[in-house]
PDB file of all heavy atoms in Angstrom:
ATOM      1  N   ILE A   1       7.165   0.939 -19.583  1.00  0.00           N
ATOM      2  CA  ILE A   1       6.371  -0.030 -18.826  1.00  0.00           C
ATOM      3  C   ILE A   1       6.215   0.434 -17.386  1.00  0.00           C
ATOM      4  O   ILE A   1       7.175   0.846 -16.738  1.00  0.00           O
ATOM      5  CB  ILE A   1       7.039  -1.422 -18.855  1.00  0.00           C
ATOM      6  CG1 ILE A   1       7.159  -1.925 -20.294  1.00  0.00           C
ATOM      7  CG2 ILE A   1       6.250  -2.419 -17.998  1.00  0.00           C
ATOM      8  CD1 ILE A   1       7.921  -3.239 -20.416  1.00  0.00           C
ATOM      9  N   LEU A   2       4.984   0.342 -16.870  1.00  0.00           N
ATOM     10  CA  LEU A   2       4.708   0.583 -15.447  1.00  0.00           C
ATOM     11  C   LEU A   2       4.345  -0.742 -14.809  1.00  0.00           C
ATOM     12  O   LEU A   2       3.532  -1.502 -15.340  1.00  0.00           O
ATOM     13  CB  LEU A   2       3.537   1.562 -15.280  1.00  0.00           C
ATOM     14  CG  LEU A   2       3.102   1.801 -13.825  1.00  0.00           C
ATOM     15  CD1 LEU A   2       4.177   2.558 -13.049  1.00  0.00           C
ATOM     16  CD2 LEU A   2       1.766   2.556 -13.765  1.00  0.00           C
ATOM     17  N   ILE A   3       4.945  -1.029 -13.652  1.00  0.00           N
ATOM     18  CA  ILE A   3       4.647  -2.242 -12.903  1.00  0.00           C
ATOM     19  C   ILE A   3       4.010  -1.849 -11.582  1.00  0.00           C
ATOM     20  O   ILE A   3       4.647  -1.206 -10.742  1.00  0.00           O
ATOM     21  CB  ILE A   3       5.922  -3.071 -12.651  1.00  0.00           C
ATOM     22  CG1 ILE A   3       6.580  -3.449 -13.990  1.00  0.00           C
ATOM     23  CG2 ILE A   3       5.595  -4.327 -11.843  1.00  0.00           C
ATOM     24  CD1 ILE A   3       7.947  -4.082 -13.838  1.00  0.00           C
ATOM     25  N   THR A   4       2.747  -2.207 -11.395  1.00  0.00           N
ATOM     26  CA  THR A   4       2.084  -1.915 -10.124  1.00  0.00           C
ATOM     27  C   THR A   4       2.462  -2.990  -9.109  1.00  0.00           C
ATOM     28  O   THR A   4       2.676  -4.152  -9.461  1.00  0.00           O
ATOM     29  CB  THR A   4       0.556  -1.862 -10.274  1.00  0.00           C
ATOM     30  OG1 THR A   4       0.055  -3.178 -10.536  1.00  0.00           O
ATOM     31  CG2 THR A   4       0.157  -0.928 -11.408  1.00  0.00           C
ATOM     32  N   GLY A   5       2.535  -2.598  -7.839  1.00  0.00           N
ATOM     33  CA  GLY A   5       3.071  -3.513  -6.835  1.00  0.00           C
ATOM     34  C   GLY A   5       4.538  -3.781  -7.101  1.00  0.00           C
ATOM     35  O   GLY A   5       5.071  -4.843  -6.804  1.00  0.00           O
ATOM     36  N   GLY A   6       5.200  -2.752  -7.643  1.00  0.00           N
ATOM     37  CA  GLY A   6       6.547  -2.913  -8.178  1.00  0.00           C
ATOM     38  C   GLY A   6       7.649  -3.080  -7.158  1.00  0.00           C
ATOM     39  O   GLY A   6       8.783  -3.383  -7.531  1.00  0.00           O
ATOM     40  N   CYS A   7       7.360  -2.888  -5.867  1.00  0.00           N
ATOM     41  CA  CYS A   7       8.365  -3.144  -4.827  1.00  0.00           C
ATOM     42  C   CYS A   7       8.039  -4.407  -4.036  1.00  0.00           C
ATOM     43  O   CYS A   7       8.660  -4.693  -3.016  1.00  0.00           O
ATOM     44  CB  CYS A   7       8.478  -1.950  -3.882  1.00  0.00           C
ATOM     45  SG  CYS A   7       9.114  -0.463  -4.674  1.00  0.00           S
ATOM     46  N   GLY A   8       7.053  -5.142  -4.515  1.00  0.00           N
ATOM     47  CA  GLY A   8       6.781  -6.448  -3.937  1.00  0.00           C
ATOM     48  C   GLY A   8       7.705  -7.490  -4.531  1.00  0.00           C
ATOM     49  O   GLY A   8       8.532  -7.196  -5.400  1.00  0.00           O
ATOM     50  N   PHE A   9       7.560  -8.716  -4.081  1.00  0.00           N
ATOM     51  CA  PHE A   9       8.413  -9.806  -4.545  1.00  0.00           C
ATOM     52  C   PHE A   9       8.345  -9.985  -6.067  1.00  0.00           C
ATOM     53  O   PHE A   9       9.363  -9.948  -6.764  1.00  0.00           O
ATOM     54  CB  PHE A   9       7.997 -11.096  -3.828  1.00  0.00           C
ATOM     55  CG  PHE A   9       8.351 -12.362  -4.543  1.00  0.00           C
ATOM     56  CD1 PHE A   9       9.674 -12.662  -4.855  1.00  0.00           C
ATOM     57  CD2 PHE A   9       7.352 -13.263  -4.900  1.00  0.00           C
ATOM     58  CE1 PHE A   9      10.004 -13.838  -5.520  1.00  0.00           C
ATOM     59  CE2 PHE A   9       7.671 -14.442  -5.558  1.00  0.00           C
ATOM     60  CZ  PHE A   9       9.000 -14.727  -5.871  1.00  0.00           C
ATOM     61  N   VAL A  10       7.134 -10.150  -6.589  1.00  0.00           N
ATOM     62  CA  VAL A  10       6.968 -10.382  -8.025  1.00  0.00           C
ATOM     63  C   VAL A  10       7.328  -9.132  -8.813  1.00  0.00           C
ATOM     64  O   VAL A  10       8.080  -9.180  -9.792  1.00  0.00           O
ATOM     65  CB  VAL A  10       5.532 -10.842  -8.335  1.00  0.00           C
ATOM     66  CG1 VAL A  10       5.303 -10.913  -9.846  1.00  0.00           C
ATOM     67  CG2 VAL A  10       5.250 -12.204  -7.712  1.00  0.00           C
ATOM     68  N   GLY A  11       6.801  -7.994  -8.386  1.00  0.00           N
ATOM     69  CA  GLY A  11       7.018  -6.747  -9.121  1.00  0.00           C
ATOM     70  C   GLY A  11       8.479  -6.352  -9.222  1.00  0.00           C
ATOM     71  O   GLY A  11       8.947  -5.923 -10.282  1.00  0.00           O
ATOM     72  N   THR A  12       9.219  -6.485  -8.132  1.00  0.00           N
ATOM     73  CA  THR A  12      10.633  -6.116  -8.139  1.00  0.00           C
ATOM     74  C   THR A  12      11.432  -7.009  -9.078  1.00  0.00           C
ATOM     75  O   THR A  12      12.268  -6.535  -9.854  1.00  0.00           O
ATOM     76  CB  THR A  12      11.227  -6.200  -6.721  1.00  0.00           C
ATOM     77  OG1 THR A  12      10.488  -5.350  -5.843  1.00  0.00           O
ATOM     78  CG2 THR A  12      12.691  -5.765  -6.716  1.00  0.00           C
ATOM     79  N   ASN A  13      11.179  -8.304  -9.010  1.00  0.00           N
ATOM     80  CA  ASN A  13      11.882  -9.228  -9.902  1.00  0.00           C
ATOM     81  C   ASN A  13      11.590  -8.926 -11.364  1.00  0.00           C
ATOM     82  O   ASN A  13      12.501  -8.935 -12.200  1.00  0.00           O
ATOM     83  CB  ASN A  13      11.501 -10.674  -9.571  1.00  0.00           C
ATOM     84  CG  ASN A  13      12.350 -11.285  -8.478  1.00  0.00           C
ATOM     85  OD1 ASN A  13      13.488 -11.672  -8.706  1.00  0.00           O
ATOM     86  ND2 ASN A  13      11.795 -11.365  -7.277  1.00  0.00           N
ATOM     87  N   ILE A  14      10.332  -8.641 -11.671  1.00  0.00           N
ATOM     88  CA  ILE A  14       9.976  -8.312 -13.055  1.00  0.00           C
ATOM     89  C   ILE A  14      10.654  -7.017 -13.489  1.00  0.00           C
ATOM     90  O   ILE A  14      11.191  -6.917 -14.601  1.00  0.00           O
ATOM     91  CB  ILE A  14       8.445  -8.195 -13.206  1.00  0.00           C
ATOM     92  CG1 ILE A  14       7.772  -9.545 -12.966  1.00  0.00           C
ATOM     93  CG2 ILE A  14       8.078  -7.676 -14.605  1.00  0.00           C
ATOM     94  CD1 ILE A  14       6.260  -9.472 -12.891  1.00  0.00           C
ATOM     95  N   ALA A  15      10.631  -6.022 -12.617  1.00  0.00           N
ATOM     96  CA  ALA A  15      11.238  -4.726 -12.948  1.00  0.00           C
ATOM     97  C   ALA A  15      12.726  -4.870 -13.245  1.00  0.00           C
ATOM     98  O   ALA A  15      13.234  -4.322 -14.241  1.00  0.00           O
ATOM     99  CB  ALA A  15      11.018  -3.740 -11.799  1.00  0.00           C
ATOM    100  N   LEU A  16      13.438  -5.595 -12.390  1.00  0.00           N
ATOM    101  CA  LEU A  16      14.877  -5.776 -12.583  1.00  0.00           C
ATOM    102  C   LEU A  16      15.163  -6.596 -13.850  1.00  0.00           C
ATOM    103  O   LEU A  16      16.102  -6.314 -14.595  1.00  0.00           O
ATOM    104  CB  LEU A  16      15.490  -6.463 -11.366  1.00  0.00           C
ATOM    105  CG  LEU A  16      15.491  -5.635 -10.079  1.00  0.00           C
ATOM    106  CD1 LEU A  16      15.928  -6.484  -8.886  1.00  0.00           C
ATOM    107  CD2 LEU A  16      16.383  -4.403 -10.206  1.00  0.00           C
ATOM    108  N   PHE A  17      14.347  -7.596 -14.092  1.00  0.00           N
ATOM    109  CA  PHE A  17      14.516  -8.442 -15.282  1.00  0.00           C
ATOM    110  C   PHE A  17      14.326  -7.619 -16.561  1.00  0.00           C
ATOM    111  O   PHE A  17      15.145  -7.686 -17.481  1.00  0.00           O
ATOM    112  CB  PHE A  17      13.513  -9.594 -15.229  1.00  0.00           C
ATOM    113  CG  PHE A  17      13.665 -10.604 -16.333  1.00  0.00           C
ATOM    114  CD1 PHE A  17      14.461 -11.717 -16.164  1.00  0.00           C
ATOM    115  CD2 PHE A  17      13.013 -10.444 -17.543  1.00  0.00           C
ATOM    116  CE1 PHE A  17      14.607 -12.661 -17.181  1.00  0.00           C
ATOM    117  CE2 PHE A  17      13.150 -11.367 -18.565  1.00  0.00           C
ATOM    118  CZ  PHE A  17      13.951 -12.481 -18.378  1.00  0.00           C
ATOM    119  N   LEU A  18      13.251  -6.836 -16.624  1.00  0.00           N
ATOM    120  CA  LEU A  18      12.971  -6.051 -17.823  1.00  0.00           C
ATOM    121  C   LEU A  18      13.956  -4.899 -17.993  1.00  0.00           C
ATOM    122  O   LEU A  18      14.297  -4.513 -19.114  1.00  0.00           O
ATOM    123  CB  LEU A  18      11.534  -5.525 -17.782  1.00  0.00           C
ATOM    124  CG  LEU A  18      10.440  -6.604 -17.848  1.00  0.00           C
ATOM    125  CD1 LEU A  18       9.062  -5.960 -17.760  1.00  0.00           C
ATOM    126  CD2 LEU A  18      10.563  -7.443 -19.121  1.00  0.00           C
ATOM    127  N   TYR A  19      14.428  -4.356 -16.883  1.00  0.00           N
ATOM    128  CA  TYR A  19      15.475  -3.330 -16.937  1.00  0.00           C
ATOM    129  C   TYR A  19      16.723  -3.901 -17.621  1.00  0.00           C
ATOM    130  O   TYR A  19      17.338  -3.244 -18.466  1.00  0.00           O
ATOM    131  CB  TYR A  19      15.803  -2.855 -15.528  1.00  0.00           C
ATOM    132  CG  TYR A  19      17.038  -1.990 -15.432  1.00  0.00           C
ATOM    133  CD1 TYR A  19      16.974  -0.613 -15.654  1.00  0.00           C
ATOM    134  CD2 TYR A  19      18.280  -2.554 -15.113  1.00  0.00           C
ATOM    135  CE1 TYR A  19      18.112   0.179 -15.566  1.00  0.00           C
ATOM    136  CE2 TYR A  19      19.415  -1.768 -15.022  1.00  0.00           C
ATOM    137  CZ  TYR A  19      19.326  -0.404 -15.246  1.00  0.00           C
ATOM    138  OH  TYR A  19      20.471   0.370 -15.162  1.00  0.00           O
ATOM    139  N   ASN A  20      17.069  -5.131 -17.261  1.00  0.00           N
ATOM    140  CA  ASN A  20      18.230  -5.774 -17.867  1.00  0.00           C
ATOM    141  C   ASN A  20      18.006  -6.115 -19.337  1.00  0.00           C
ATOM    142  O   ASN A  20      18.971  -6.341 -20.077  1.00  0.00           O
ATOM    143  CB  ASN A  20      18.611  -7.035 -17.085  1.00  0.00           C
ATOM    144  CG  ASN A  20      19.198  -6.713 -15.725  1.00  0.00           C
ATOM    145  OD1 ASN A  20      19.825  -5.672 -15.541  1.00  0.00           O
ATOM    146  ND2 ASN A  20      18.999  -7.594 -14.759  1.00  0.00           N
ATOM    147  N   LYS A  21      16.736  -6.142 -19.755  1.00  0.00           N
ATOM    148  CA  LYS A  21      16.401  -6.365 -21.166  1.00  0.00           C
ATOM    149  C   LYS A  21      16.259  -5.042 -21.927  1.00  0.00           C
ATOM    150  O   LYS A  21      15.774  -5.007 -23.052  1.00  0.00           O
ATOM    151  CB  LYS A  21      15.098  -7.158 -21.280  1.00  0.00           C
ATOM    152  CG  LYS A  21      15.174  -8.571 -20.721  1.00  0.00           C
ATOM    153  CD  LYS A  21      16.083  -9.468 -21.543  1.00  0.00           C
ATOM    154  CE  LYS A  21      16.055 -10.905 -21.038  1.00  0.00           C
ATOM    155  NZ  LYS A  21      16.953 -11.791 -21.809  1.00  0.00           N
ATOM    156  N   LYS A  22      16.669  -3.947 -21.264  1.00  0.00           N
ATOM    157  CA  LYS A  22      16.729  -2.612 -21.877  1.00  0.00           C
ATOM    158  C   LYS A  22      15.368  -1.934 -22.059  1.00  0.00           C
ATOM    159  O   LYS A  22      15.230  -1.006 -22.834  1.00  0.00           O
ATOM    160  CB  LYS A  22      17.449  -2.652 -23.235  1.00  0.00           C
ATOM    161  CG  LYS A  22      18.821  -3.328 -23.206  1.00  0.00           C
ATOM    162  CD  LYS A  22      19.747  -2.692 -22.179  1.00  0.00           C
ATOM    163  CE  LYS A  22      21.115  -3.386 -22.156  1.00  0.00           C
ATOM    164  NZ  LYS A  22      21.992  -2.869 -21.079  1.00  0.00           N
ATOM    165  N   TYR A  23      14.354  -2.407 -21.316  1.00  0.00           N
ATOM    166  CA  TYR A  23      13.082  -1.689 -21.313  1.00  0.00           C
ATOM    167  C   TYR A  23      13.158  -0.521 -20.336  1.00  0.00           C
ATOM    168  O   TYR A  23      13.886  -0.585 -19.332  1.00  0.00           O
ATOM    169  CB  TYR A  23      11.937  -2.611 -20.897  1.00  0.00           C
ATOM    170  CG  TYR A  23      11.496  -3.571 -21.971  1.00  0.00           C
ATOM    171  CD1 TYR A  23      11.861  -4.917 -21.916  1.00  0.00           C
ATOM    172  CD2 TYR A  23      10.708  -3.148 -23.035  1.00  0.00           C
ATOM    173  CE1 TYR A  23      11.462  -5.807 -22.895  1.00  0.00           C
ATOM    174  CE2 TYR A  23      10.290  -4.046 -24.018  1.00  0.00           C
ATOM    175  CZ  TYR A  23      10.676  -5.361 -23.937  1.00  0.00           C
ATOM    176  OH  TYR A  23      10.272  -6.238 -24.912  1.00  0.00           O
ATOM    177  N   LYS A  24      12.390   0.515 -20.608  1.00  0.00           N
ATOM    178  CA  LYS A  24      12.264   1.628 -19.664  1.00  0.00           C
ATOM    179  C   LYS A  24      11.157   1.280 -18.676  1.00  0.00           C
ATOM    180  O   LYS A  24       9.999   1.127 -19.068  1.00  0.00           O
ATOM    181  CB  LYS A  24      11.948   2.935 -20.379  1.00  0.00           C
ATOM    182  CG  LYS A  24      11.921   4.133 -19.440  1.00  0.00           C
ATOM    183  CD  LYS A  24      11.666   5.430 -20.187  1.00  0.00           C
ATOM    184  CE  LYS A  24      11.617   6.605 -19.198  1.00  0.00           C
ATOM    185  NZ  LYS A  24      11.357   7.890 -19.898  1.00  0.00           N
ATOM    186  N   VAL A  25      11.529   1.143 -17.412  1.00  0.00           N
ATOM    187  CA  VAL A  25      10.603   0.629 -16.407  1.00  0.00           C
ATOM    188  C   VAL A  25      10.429   1.622 -15.263  1.00  0.00           C
ATOM    189  O   VAL A  25      11.404   2.174 -14.756  1.00  0.00           O
ATOM    190  CB  VAL A  25      11.109  -0.720 -15.843  1.00  0.00           C
ATOM    191  CG1 VAL A  25      10.153  -1.249 -14.788  1.00  0.00           C
ATOM    192  CG2 VAL A  25      11.294  -1.742 -16.954  1.00  0.00           C
ATOM    193  N   ASN A  26       9.168   1.832 -14.864  1.00  0.00           N
ATOM    194  CA  ASN A  26       8.827   2.522 -13.622  1.00  0.00           C
ATOM    195  C   ASN A  26       7.995   1.574 -12.772  1.00  0.00           C
ATOM    196  O   ASN A  26       7.380   0.636 -13.300  1.00  0.00           O
ATOM    197  CB  ASN A  26       8.021   3.794 -13.870  1.00  0.00           C
ATOM    198  CG  ASN A  26       8.831   4.923 -14.472  1.00  0.00           C
ATOM    199  OD1 ASN A  26       8.260   5.881 -14.989  1.00  0.00           O
ATOM    200  ND2 ASN A  26      10.151   4.850 -14.454  1.00  0.00           N
ATOM    201  N   THR A  27       7.982   1.811 -11.476  1.00  0.00           N
ATOM    202  CA  THR A  27       7.149   0.998 -10.593  1.00  0.00           C
ATOM    203  C   THR A  27       6.207   1.893  -9.784  1.00  0.00           C
ATOM    204  O   THR A  27       6.423   3.096  -9.642  1.00  0.00           O
ATOM    205  CB  THR A  27       8.005   0.169  -9.612  1.00  0.00           C
ATOM    206  OG1 THR A  27       8.823   1.055  -8.826  1.00  0.00           O
ATOM    207  CG2 THR A  27       8.890  -0.811 -10.363  1.00  0.00           C
ATOM    208  N   LEU A  28       5.164   1.250  -9.270  1.00  0.00           N
ATOM    209  CA  LEU A  28       4.200   1.916  -8.398  1.00  0.00           C
ATOM    210  C   LEU A  28       4.034   1.047  -7.166  1.00  0.00           C
ATOM    211  O   LEU A  28       3.741  -0.142  -7.268  1.00  0.00           O
ATOM    212  CB  LEU A  28       2.872   2.085  -9.133  1.00  0.00           C
ATOM    213  CG  LEU A  28       1.700   2.747  -8.396  1.00  0.00           C
ATOM    214  CD1 LEU A  28       0.777   3.422  -9.411  1.00  0.00           C
ATOM    215  CD2 LEU A  28       0.879   1.741  -7.572  1.00  0.00           C
ATOM    216  N   ASP A  29       4.253   1.620  -5.995  1.00  0.00           N
ATOM    217  CA  ASP A  29       4.122   0.857  -4.748  1.00  0.00           C
ATOM    218  C   ASP A  29       4.004   1.838  -3.585  1.00  0.00           C
ATOM    219  O   ASP A  29       4.733   2.832  -3.536  1.00  0.00           O
ATOM    220  CB  ASP A  29       5.338  -0.051  -4.536  1.00  0.00           C
ATOM    221  CG  ASP A  29       5.050  -1.179  -3.569  1.00  0.00           C
ATOM    222  OD1 ASP A  29       4.847  -0.920  -2.370  1.00  0.00           O
ATOM    223  OD2 ASP A  29       5.029  -2.346  -4.029  1.00  0.00           O
ATOM    224  N   ASN A  30       3.091   1.562  -2.665  1.00  0.00           N
ATOM    225  CA  ASN A  30       2.900   2.473  -1.529  1.00  0.00           C
ATOM    226  C   ASN A  30       3.651   2.025  -0.263  1.00  0.00           C
ATOM    227  O   ASN A  30       3.457   2.599   0.813  1.00  0.00           O
ATOM    228  CB  ASN A  30       1.410   2.643  -1.219  1.00  0.00           C
ATOM    229  CG  ASN A  30       0.755   1.365  -0.717  1.00  0.00           C
ATOM    230  OD1 ASN A  30       1.388   0.313  -0.641  1.00  0.00           O
ATOM    231  ND2 ASN A  30      -0.520   1.441  -0.392  1.00  0.00           N
ATOM    232  N   PHE A  31       4.483   0.999  -0.377  1.00  0.00           N
ATOM    233  CA  PHE A  31       5.316   0.491   0.726  1.00  0.00           C
ATOM    234  C   PHE A  31       4.488  -0.019   1.902  1.00  0.00           C
ATOM    235  O   PHE A  31       4.899   0.085   3.059  1.00  0.00           O
ATOM    236  CB  PHE A  31       6.291   1.561   1.231  1.00  0.00           C
ATOM    237  CG  PHE A  31       7.189   2.133   0.169  1.00  0.00           C
ATOM    238  CD1 PHE A  31       7.531   3.481   0.183  1.00  0.00           C
ATOM    239  CD2 PHE A  31       7.699   1.346  -0.846  1.00  0.00           C
ATOM    240  CE1 PHE A  31       8.363   4.016  -0.791  1.00  0.00           C
ATOM    241  CE2 PHE A  31       8.525   1.867  -1.818  1.00  0.00           C
ATOM    242  CZ  PHE A  31       8.867   3.204  -1.798  1.00  0.00           C
ATOM    243  N   SER A  32       3.334  -0.583   1.627  1.00  0.00           N
ATOM    244  CA  SER A  32       2.471  -1.035   2.719  1.00  0.00           C
ATOM    245  C   SER A  32       2.922  -2.362   3.316  1.00  0.00           C
ATOM    246  O   SER A  32       2.490  -2.736   4.399  1.00  0.00           O
ATOM    247  CB  SER A  32       1.025  -1.167   2.230  1.00  0.00           C
ATOM    248  OG  SER A  32       0.928  -2.144   1.206  1.00  0.00           O
ATOM    249  N   ARG A  33       3.796  -3.080   2.613  1.00  0.00           N
ATOM    250  CA  ARG A  33       4.215  -4.398   3.086  1.00  0.00           C
ATOM    251  C   ARG A  33       5.645  -4.405   3.596  1.00  0.00           C
ATOM    252  O   ARG A  33       6.487  -3.656   3.107  1.00  0.00           O
ATOM    253  CB  ARG A  33       4.123  -5.410   1.938  1.00  0.00           C
ATOM    254  CG  ARG A  33       2.713  -5.697   1.504  1.00  0.00           C
ATOM    255  CD  ARG A  33       2.724  -6.831   0.531  1.00  0.00           C
ATOM    256  NE  ARG A  33       1.395  -7.062  -0.002  1.00  0.00           N
ATOM    257  CZ  ARG A  33       1.113  -8.013  -0.861  1.00  0.00           C
ATOM    258  NH1 ARG A  33       2.071  -8.810  -1.284  1.00  0.00           N
ATOM    259  NH2 ARG A  33      -0.110  -8.164  -1.308  1.00  0.00           N
ATOM    260  N   LYS A  34       5.878  -5.290   4.533  1.00  0.00           N
ATOM    261  CA  LYS A  34       7.253  -5.518   4.975  1.00  0.00           C
ATOM    262  C   LYS A  34       8.070  -6.025   3.789  1.00  0.00           C
ATOM    263  O   LYS A  34       7.614  -6.835   3.006  1.00  0.00           O
ATOM    264  CB  LYS A  34       7.288  -6.564   6.095  1.00  0.00           C
ATOM    265  CG  LYS A  34       6.876  -6.038   7.453  1.00  0.00           C
ATOM    266  CD  LYS A  34       7.107  -7.095   8.512  1.00  0.00           C
ATOM    267  CE  LYS A  34       6.845  -6.542   9.905  1.00  0.00           C
ATOM    268  NZ  LYS A  34       7.126  -7.539  10.954  1.00  0.00           N
ATOM    269  N   GLY A  35       9.248  -5.530   3.667  1.00  0.00           N
ATOM    270  CA  GLY A  35      10.116  -5.961   2.578  1.00  0.00           C
ATOM    271  C   GLY A  35      10.110  -5.043   1.390  1.00  0.00           C
ATOM    272  O   GLY A  35      11.047  -5.049   0.587  1.00  0.00           O
ATOM    273  N   SER A  36       9.080  -4.207   1.248  1.00  0.00           N
ATOM    274  CA  SER A  36       9.000  -3.329   0.075  1.00  0.00           C
ATOM    275  C   SER A  36      10.109  -2.281   0.081  1.00  0.00           C
ATOM    276  O   SER A  36      10.641  -1.930  -0.983  1.00  0.00           O
ATOM    277  CB  SER A  36       7.622  -2.656  -0.010  1.00  0.00           C
ATOM    278  OG  SER A  36       7.351  -1.898   1.148  1.00  0.00           O
ATOM    279  N   LEU A  37      10.483  -1.799   1.249  1.00  0.00           N
ATOM    280  CA  LEU A  37      11.564  -0.806   1.319  1.00  0.00           C
ATOM    281  C   LEU A  37      12.914  -1.443   0.983  1.00  0.00           C
ATOM    282  O   LEU A  37      13.768  -0.803   0.367  1.00  0.00           O
ATOM    283  CB  LEU A  37      11.612  -0.164   2.710  1.00  0.00           C
ATOM    284  CG  LEU A  37      10.474   0.811   3.018  1.00  0.00           C
ATOM    285  CD1 LEU A  37      10.550   1.268   4.470  1.00  0.00           C
ATOM    286  CD2 LEU A  37      10.517   2.013   2.086  1.00  0.00           C
ATOM    287  N   TYR A  38      13.082  -2.705   1.374  1.00  0.00           N
ATOM    288  CA  TYR A  38      14.303  -3.434   1.011  1.00  0.00           C
ATOM    289  C   TYR A  38      14.401  -3.550  -0.512  1.00  0.00           C
ATOM    290  O   TYR A  38      15.443  -3.271  -1.110  1.00  0.00           O
ATOM    291  CB  TYR A  38      14.286  -4.822   1.654  1.00  0.00           C
ATOM    292  CG  TYR A  38      15.473  -5.694   1.277  1.00  0.00           C
ATOM    293  CD1 TYR A  38      16.620  -5.718   2.064  1.00  0.00           C
ATOM    294  CD2 TYR A  38      15.430  -6.501   0.137  1.00  0.00           C
ATOM    295  CE1 TYR A  38      17.709  -6.516   1.724  1.00  0.00           C
ATOM    296  CE2 TYR A  38      16.512  -7.299  -0.210  1.00  0.00           C
ATOM    297  CZ  TYR A  38      17.646  -7.308   0.582  1.00  0.00           C
ATOM    298  OH  TYR A  38      18.715  -8.098   0.232  1.00  0.00           O
ATOM    299  N   ASN A  39      13.298  -3.947  -1.143  1.00  0.00           N
ATOM    300  CA  ASN A  39      13.280  -4.101  -2.596  1.00  0.00           C
ATOM    301  C   ASN A  39      13.407  -2.756  -3.309  1.00  0.00           C
ATOM    302  O   ASN A  39      14.026  -2.661  -4.374  1.00  0.00           O
ATOM    303  CB  ASN A  39      12.000  -4.803  -3.035  1.00  0.00           C
ATOM    304  CG  ASN A  39      11.990  -6.276  -2.641  1.00  0.00           C
ATOM    305  OD1 ASN A  39      13.037  -6.866  -2.395  1.00  0.00           O
ATOM    306  ND2 ASN A  39      10.811  -6.863  -2.591  1.00  0.00           N
ATOM    307  N   PHE A  40      12.832  -1.713  -2.706  1.00  0.00           N
ATOM    308  CA  PHE A  40      12.924  -0.381  -3.287  1.00  0.00           C
ATOM    309  C   PHE A  40      14.383   0.064  -3.441  1.00  0.00           C
ATOM    310  O   PHE A  40      14.766   0.685  -4.439  1.00  0.00           O
ATOM    311  CB  PHE A  40      12.157   0.615  -2.414  1.00  0.00           C
ATOM    312  CG  PHE A  40      12.397   2.057  -2.780  1.00  0.00           C
ATOM    313  CD1 PHE A  40      11.966   2.565  -3.994  1.00  0.00           C
ATOM    314  CD2 PHE A  40      13.061   2.902  -1.899  1.00  0.00           C
ATOM    315  CE1 PHE A  40      12.184   3.893  -4.337  1.00  0.00           C
ATOM    316  CE2 PHE A  40      13.287   4.227  -2.233  1.00  0.00           C
ATOM    317  CZ  PHE A  40      12.848   4.722  -3.455  1.00  0.00           C
ATOM    318  N   LYS A  41      15.202  -0.291  -2.456  1.00  0.00           N
ATOM    319  CA  LYS A  41      16.618   0.076  -2.522  1.00  0.00           C
ATOM    320  C   LYS A  41      17.308  -0.583  -3.718  1.00  0.00           C
ATOM    321  O   LYS A  41      18.177   0.014  -4.355  1.00  0.00           O
ATOM    322  CB  LYS A  41      17.318  -0.311  -1.224  1.00  0.00           C
ATOM    323  CG  LYS A  41      16.877   0.499  -0.020  1.00  0.00           C
ATOM    324  CD  LYS A  41      17.520  -0.008   1.265  1.00  0.00           C
ATOM    325  CE  LYS A  41      16.997   0.750   2.482  1.00  0.00           C
ATOM    326  NZ  LYS A  41      17.567   0.204   3.741  1.00  0.00           N
ATOM    327  N   LEU A  42      16.895  -1.804  -4.032  1.00  0.00           N
ATOM    328  CA  LEU A  42      17.460  -2.507  -5.189  1.00  0.00           C
ATOM    329  C   LEU A  42      17.078  -1.805  -6.489  1.00  0.00           C
ATOM    330  O   LEU A  42      17.894  -1.685  -7.408  1.00  0.00           O
ATOM    331  CB  LEU A  42      16.975  -3.956  -5.213  1.00  0.00           C
ATOM    332  CG  LEU A  42      17.321  -4.826  -4.004  1.00  0.00           C
ATOM    333  CD1 LEU A  42      16.743  -6.229  -4.189  1.00  0.00           C
ATOM    334  CD2 LEU A  42      18.831  -4.906  -3.806  1.00  0.00           C
ATOM    335  N   LEU A  43      15.831  -1.346  -6.556  1.00  0.00           N
ATOM    336  CA  LEU A  43      15.380  -0.636  -7.746  1.00  0.00           C
ATOM    337  C   LEU A  43      16.074   0.719  -7.869  1.00  0.00           C
ATOM    338  O   LEU A  43      16.446   1.146  -8.970  1.00  0.00           O
ATOM    339  CB  LEU A  43      13.860  -0.433  -7.684  1.00  0.00           C
ATOM    340  CG  LEU A  43      13.006  -1.701  -7.651  1.00  0.00           C
ATOM    341  CD1 LEU A  43      11.539  -1.344  -7.510  1.00  0.00           C
ATOM    342  CD2 LEU A  43      13.226  -2.545  -8.903  1.00  0.00           C
TER     343      LEU A  43
END
């Protein structure tokens, strides 16, 4: 699964949730928003 906007609020939560459900997850994000780097560290 690829999640676009994956370091945003919605995308990060979805990525972490699906990761915990054992899906193989990648994200796509250009870090244009404040907070995306914080969420990127979690991923």
